[in-house]
Amino acid sequence: MRTSVGVSDGARIAVRGYGGTGRTILLLHGLMGRASTWWRTSRWLADHGRVVAIDARAHGDSVAPTPGPWPTERFVTDVVEVLEELALGPAVVIGHSMGGLHGWELAAARPDLVDGLVVEDMAPDHRGRTAAPWVSWFEAMPETFESIAAVRDAFGWPRPSVGDYLAECVREASDGYRLLTPHAVAAAIAGEWGERDFWGSVRRVKCPALLLEAEESPIASEQMATMATLMPRAGHVRVPGTGHLLHDDAPERYRELVSGFLTGLAG
């Protein structure tokens, strides 16, 4: 299934179905990502339910009526409106990085729409940090790439998983391959995270939750263990040998942990 849903401010949110039946498992990607970055994970998740992923506004095939920036609450409203329009809720929500933030914000704001939550490598408090080093990294990259392989080579050091991730997030144009989300837009989205914290919503999450932290996380800052103490039904696992794209760096361990969590929800 591929479709799009018009939301209340005029944006259109792209939605992709990955098969399966039963309860909805909703996948929310990270910054610069898109629904298709979940493709490998979706193959086995379909054994546990109906798998659906969305492209956040300004990502993938989703479009927005203004260039942003948009507060986190706007992204969460998009998810709410997609779930309600397509009658997909309540869902088990699995989010990576930015998608994890949107997942716990959704669970806090609309507990009726979330039966369970998996958050992969995201912290609620980035105050005092800026996106400047990250933006500089992207600005040093060419605006266009000659091939998908060139995208992988450019972004795949020191972790090839990052190159693979961003290879899903480009589109071919007449002058080469371009990132679907301009780095300036992504920097504006991430910039909000350095100006506020999200501890209040963490405390309001009451559904079962699994918090997965990468051992070599560039952003989690060991805050996920604290998050688990604030969520009454949460477990926390720090996965050795992984970077920010934990589900790609340790796919078998990720599958083991998430499958166990989903099986427990069904029990």
Protein backbone atom coordinates (compact mmCIF):
# COMPACT_ATOMS: atom_id res chain seq x y z
CA MET A 1 0.00 0.00 0.00
CA ARG A 2 1.16 3.50 -0.86
CA THR A 3 -1.02 6.49 -0.22
CA SER A 4 -0.93 9.97 1.25
CA VAL A 5 -3.08 11.74 3.79
CA GLY A 6 -3.92 15.43 3.77
CA VAL A 7 -3.53 16.94 7.23
CA SER A 8 -4.99 20.01 8.86
CA ASP A 9 -2.41 22.59 7.78
CA GLY A 10 -2.45 21.52 4.12
CA ALA A 11 0.54 19.16 4.16
CA ARG A 12 0.32 15.72 2.62
CA ILE A 13 1.91 12.86 4.54
CA ALA A 14 3.08 9.85 2.53
CA VAL A 15 2.16 6.46 3.97
CA ARG A 16 3.60 3.08 3.01
CA GLY A 17 2.26 -0.33 4.01
CA TYR A 18 4.67 -3.24 4.42
CA GLY A 19 2.24 -6.12 4.83
CA GLY A 20 1.17 -8.22 7.76
CA THR A 21 -2.20 -8.49 9.48
CA GLY A 22 -3.63 -7.71 12.88
CA ARG A 23 -2.59 -4.86 15.13
CA THR A 24 -0.89 -1.85 13.57
CA ILE A 25 2.85 -1.48 13.96
CA LEU A 26 3.70 2.11 13.02
CA LEU A 27 7.29 2.94 12.05
CA LEU A 28 8.64 6.49 12.44
CA HIS A 29 12.01 7.23 10.83
CA GLY A 30 14.81 9.51 11.98
CA LEU A 31 15.96 12.89 10.75
CA MET A 32 16.79 12.92 7.01
CA GLY A 33 15.13 9.51 6.67
CA ARG A 34 12.01 8.15 5.04
CA ALA A 35 9.70 5.16 5.35
CA SER A 36 11.84 3.00 3.07
CA THR A 37 14.76 3.08 5.53
CA TRP A 38 12.73 0.53 7.53
CA TRP A 39 12.48 -1.98 4.66
CA ARG A 40 14.71 -4.72 6.12
CA THR A 41 13.15 -4.41 9.57
CA SER A 42 9.65 -4.50 8.12
CA ARG A 43 10.24 -7.96 6.64
CA TRP A 44 10.16 -9.68 10.02
CA LEU A 45 7.92 -7.16 11.78
CA ALA A 46 5.14 -8.28 9.43
CA ASP A 47 5.05 -11.53 11.43
CA HIS A 48 3.81 -9.49 14.40
CA GLY A 49 1.18 -7.24 12.84
CA ARG A 50 0.23 -4.88 10.05
CA VAL A 51 3.32 -2.78 9.37
CA VAL A 52 2.88 0.82 8.26
CA ALA A 53 5.48 3.57 7.92
CA ILE A 54 5.17 7.27 7.16
CA ASP A 55 7.42 9.92 5.67
CA ALA A 56 7.56 12.84 8.09
CA ARG A 57 6.81 16.22 6.53
CA ALA A 58 9.76 17.55 4.49
CA HIS A 59 11.05 13.98 4.21
CA GLY A 60 10.63 11.37 1.50
CA ASP A 61 7.48 11.88 -0.53
CA SER A 62 5.66 14.01 2.04
CA VAL A 63 5.15 17.68 1.25
CA ALA A 64 4.40 20.70 3.41
CA PRO A 65 2.73 24.00 2.43
CA THR A 66 5.44 26.09 4.12
CA PRO A 67 9.20 25.61 4.46
CA GLY A 68 9.03 25.36 8.25
CA PRO A 69 10.47 25.13 10.80
CA TRP A 70 7.74 23.20 12.57
CA PRO A 71 7.58 22.38 16.27
CA THR A 72 7.62 18.77 17.39
CA GLU A 73 3.92 19.06 18.18
CA ARG A 74 3.15 19.59 14.47
CA PHE A 75 4.89 16.35 13.54
CA VAL A 76 2.94 14.54 16.26
CA THR A 77 -0.33 16.02 15.00
CA ASP A 78 0.51 14.65 11.56
CA VAL A 79 0.85 11.16 13.02
CA VAL A 80 -2.43 11.51 14.92
CA GLU A 81 -4.28 12.61 11.80
CA VAL A 82 -2.83 9.78 9.70
CA LEU A 83 -3.79 7.18 12.31
CA GLU A 84 -7.31 8.59 12.59
CA GLU A 85 -7.89 9.09 8.86
CA LEU A 86 -6.78 5.56 8.00
CA ALA A 87 -8.33 4.00 11.13
CA LEU A 88 -4.98 2.47 12.12
CA GLY A 89 -5.03 3.08 15.86
CA PRO A 90 -4.29 2.05 18.45
CA ALA A 91 -0.82 1.09 17.27
CA VAL A 92 2.48 -0.16 18.54
CA VAL A 93 4.82 2.69 17.64
CA ILE A 94 8.48 2.05 16.80
CA GLY A 95 10.60 5.16 16.32
CA HIS A 96 14.25 5.78 15.57
CA SER A 97 15.89 9.02 16.77
CA MET A 98 13.53 11.84 15.70
CA GLY A 99 10.86 9.19 15.21
CA GLY A 100 11.43 8.00 18.78
CA LEU A 101 10.83 11.53 20.05
CA HIS A 102 7.64 11.75 18.02
CA GLY A 103 6.63 8.32 19.32
CA TRP A 104 6.85 9.17 23.01
CA GLU A 105 5.28 12.57 22.44
CA LEU A 106 2.37 10.78 20.73
CA ALA A 107 2.08 8.26 23.58
CA ALA A 108 2.01 11.11 26.10
CA ALA A 109 -0.51 13.25 24.22
CA ARG A 110 -2.80 10.52 22.89
CA PRO A 111 -2.45 7.36 24.99
CA ASP A 112 -5.57 6.00 23.32
CA LEU A 113 -3.61 5.68 20.07
CA VAL A 114 -0.53 3.88 21.43
CA ASP A 115 -0.55 0.34 22.82
CA GLY A 116 3.22 0.00 23.04
CA LEU A 117 6.33 2.01 22.27
CA VAL A 118 9.88 1.27 21.10
CA VAL A 119 12.33 4.19 21.16
CA GLU A 120 15.68 3.74 19.46
CA ASP A 121 18.52 6.02 20.49
CA MET A 122 17.00 9.37 21.35
CA ALA A 123 17.36 11.66 24.35
CA PRO A 124 14.81 14.16 25.70
CA ASP A 125 17.23 16.95 26.60
CA HIS A 126 19.69 18.47 24.12
CA ARG A 127 19.76 21.95 25.65
CA GLY A 128 23.08 23.68 25.22
CA ARG A 129 23.95 21.64 22.17
CA THR A 130 23.68 22.95 18.63
CA ALA A 131 23.36 21.39 15.21
CA ALA A 132 26.36 23.38 13.94
CA PRO A 133 28.89 20.51 13.74
CA TRP A 134 26.35 18.30 12.03
CA VAL A 135 25.39 21.07 9.58
CA SER A 136 29.05 21.71 8.79
CA TRP A 137 29.48 18.04 7.96
CA PHE A 138 26.61 18.16 5.48
CA GLU A 139 27.71 21.49 4.01
CA ALA A 140 31.08 19.96 3.21
CA MET A 141 29.33 17.39 1.04
CA PRO A 142 28.52 18.06 -2.63
CA GLU A 143 24.97 19.10 -3.47
CA THR A 144 24.71 16.28 -5.99
CA PHE A 145 26.17 12.79 -6.25
CA GLU A 146 26.95 10.87 -9.41
CA SER A 147 25.47 7.60 -8.19
CA ILE A 148 23.91 5.80 -5.23
CA ALA A 149 27.32 4.25 -4.61
CA ALA A 150 28.77 7.76 -4.34
CA VAL A 151 26.21 8.58 -1.64
CA ARG A 152 27.22 5.48 0.30
CA ASP A 153 30.90 6.34 -0.02
CA ALA A 154 30.38 9.94 1.08
CA PHE A 155 28.37 9.19 4.21
CA GLY A 156 29.49 5.66 5.05
CA TRP A 157 32.55 6.45 7.16
CA PRO A 158 33.12 5.48 9.89
CA ARG A 159 29.89 3.43 9.88
CA PRO A 160 28.64 1.96 6.58
CA SER A 161 25.11 1.86 8.02
CA VAL A 162 24.94 5.67 7.76
CA GLY A 163 25.81 5.52 4.07
CA ASP A 164 23.18 2.84 3.49
CA TYR A 165 20.59 4.90 5.37
CA LEU A 166 21.20 8.07 3.34
CA ALA A 167 21.34 6.13 0.08
CA GLU A 168 17.61 5.56 0.65
CA CYS A 169 17.07 9.29 1.13
CA VAL A 170 18.04 10.69 -2.25
CA ARG A 171 16.27 11.21 -5.55
CA GLU A 172 17.75 11.34 -9.02
CA ALA A 173 17.57 14.70 -10.79
CA SER A 174 18.95 15.86 -14.12
CA ASP A 175 22.26 16.78 -12.50
CA GLY A 176 22.65 13.75 -10.22
CA TYR A 177 21.31 12.44 -6.92
CA ARG A 178 20.14 14.94 -4.30
CA LEU A 179 19.12 14.48 -0.67
CA LEU A 180 15.34 14.62 -0.31
CA THR A 181 15.57 16.70 2.85
CA PRO A 182 17.87 19.74 2.49
CA HIS A 183 20.32 19.95 5.36
CA ALA A 184 19.11 23.46 6.22
CA VAL A 185 15.59 22.13 6.79
CA ALA A 186 16.89 19.26 8.89
CA ALA A 187 19.04 21.66 10.91
CA ALA A 188 15.99 23.83 11.62
CA ILE A 189 14.05 20.79 12.83
CA ALA A 190 16.91 19.64 15.06
CA GLY A 191 17.56 23.18 16.23
CA GLU A 192 14.37 23.09 18.31
CA TRP A 193 15.78 20.18 20.30
CA GLY A 194 18.59 22.37 21.61
CA GLU A 195 16.15 24.98 22.89
CA ARG A 196 13.76 22.89 25.02
CA ASP A 197 13.52 19.60 26.82
CA PHE A 198 10.92 16.84 26.64
CA TRP A 199 11.14 15.34 30.13
CA GLY A 200 7.55 16.32 30.90
CA SER A 201 6.14 14.14 28.15
CA VAL A 202 8.47 11.27 29.08
CA ARG A 203 6.82 11.24 32.51
CA ARG A 204 3.37 10.99 30.92
CA VAL A 205 4.08 7.81 28.94
CA LYS A 206 2.15 4.99 30.63
CA CYS A 207 2.11 2.28 27.96
CA PRO A 208 4.67 -0.55 27.85
CA ALA A 209 7.91 0.76 26.37
CA LEU A 210 11.28 -0.56 25.25
CA LEU A 211 14.14 1.96 25.18
CA LEU A 212 17.13 0.91 23.08
CA GLU A 213 20.37 2.84 23.42
CA ALA A 214 23.38 2.51 21.12
CA GLU A 215 26.65 1.95 22.96
CA GLU A 216 28.36 4.57 20.80
CA SER A 217 25.40 6.92 20.59
CA PRO A 218 26.19 10.47 19.46
CA ILE A 219 22.98 11.85 20.97
CA ALA A 220 21.45 9.66 23.69
CA SER A 221 23.99 10.84 26.32
CA GLU A 222 23.00 7.99 28.64
CA GLN A 223 19.67 9.73 29.28
CA MET A 224 17.68 6.71 28.20
CA ALA A 225 18.34 4.89 31.47
CA THR A 226 16.81 7.84 33.30
CA MET A 227 13.87 7.82 30.91
CA ALA A 228 13.19 4.20 31.87
CA THR A 229 12.91 5.16 35.53
CA LEU A 230 10.29 7.78 34.67
CA MET A 231 8.10 5.50 32.55
CA PRO A 232 6.31 3.03 34.84
CA ARG A 233 6.28 0.18 32.29
CA ALA A 234 9.60 0.70 30.47
CA GLY A 235 12.69 -1.40 30.00
CA HIS A 236 16.08 -0.11 28.89
CA VAL A 237 18.81 -1.96 26.97
CA ARG A 238 22.18 -0.59 25.89
CA VAL A 239 23.38 -2.57 22.88
CA PRO A 240 27.16 -3.09 22.58
CA GLY A 241 29.01 -2.28 19.39
CA THR A 242 26.30 -0.10 17.90
CA GLY A 243 26.10 3.44 16.62
CA HIS A 244 23.05 5.63 16.16
CA LEU A 245 21.51 3.29 13.57
CA LEU A 246 21.24 0.50 16.08
CA HIS A 247 18.72 -1.52 14.07
CA ASP A 248 21.18 -1.70 11.17
CA ASP A 249 24.38 -2.09 13.21
CA ALA A 250 23.05 -5.05 15.23
CA PRO A 251 20.02 -6.32 13.29
CA GLU A 252 19.81 -9.72 14.94
CA ARG A 253 20.01 -8.32 18.47
CA TYR A 254 17.50 -5.61 17.57
CA ARG A 255 15.14 -8.23 16.18
CA GLU A 256 15.51 -10.36 19.31
CA LEU A 257 14.73 -7.45 21.61
CA VAL A 258 11.83 -6.00 19.63
CA SER A 259 10.27 -9.40 18.85
CA GLY A 260 10.38 -10.25 22.55
CA PHE A 261 8.72 -6.97 23.41
CA LEU A 262 5.98 -7.47 20.82
CA THR A 263 5.37 -11.04 21.94
CA GLY A 264 5.03 -9.81 25.50
CA LEU A 265 2.41 -7.27 24.44
CA ALA A 266 0.40 -10.01 22.80
CA GLY A 267 0.57 -12.27 25.85
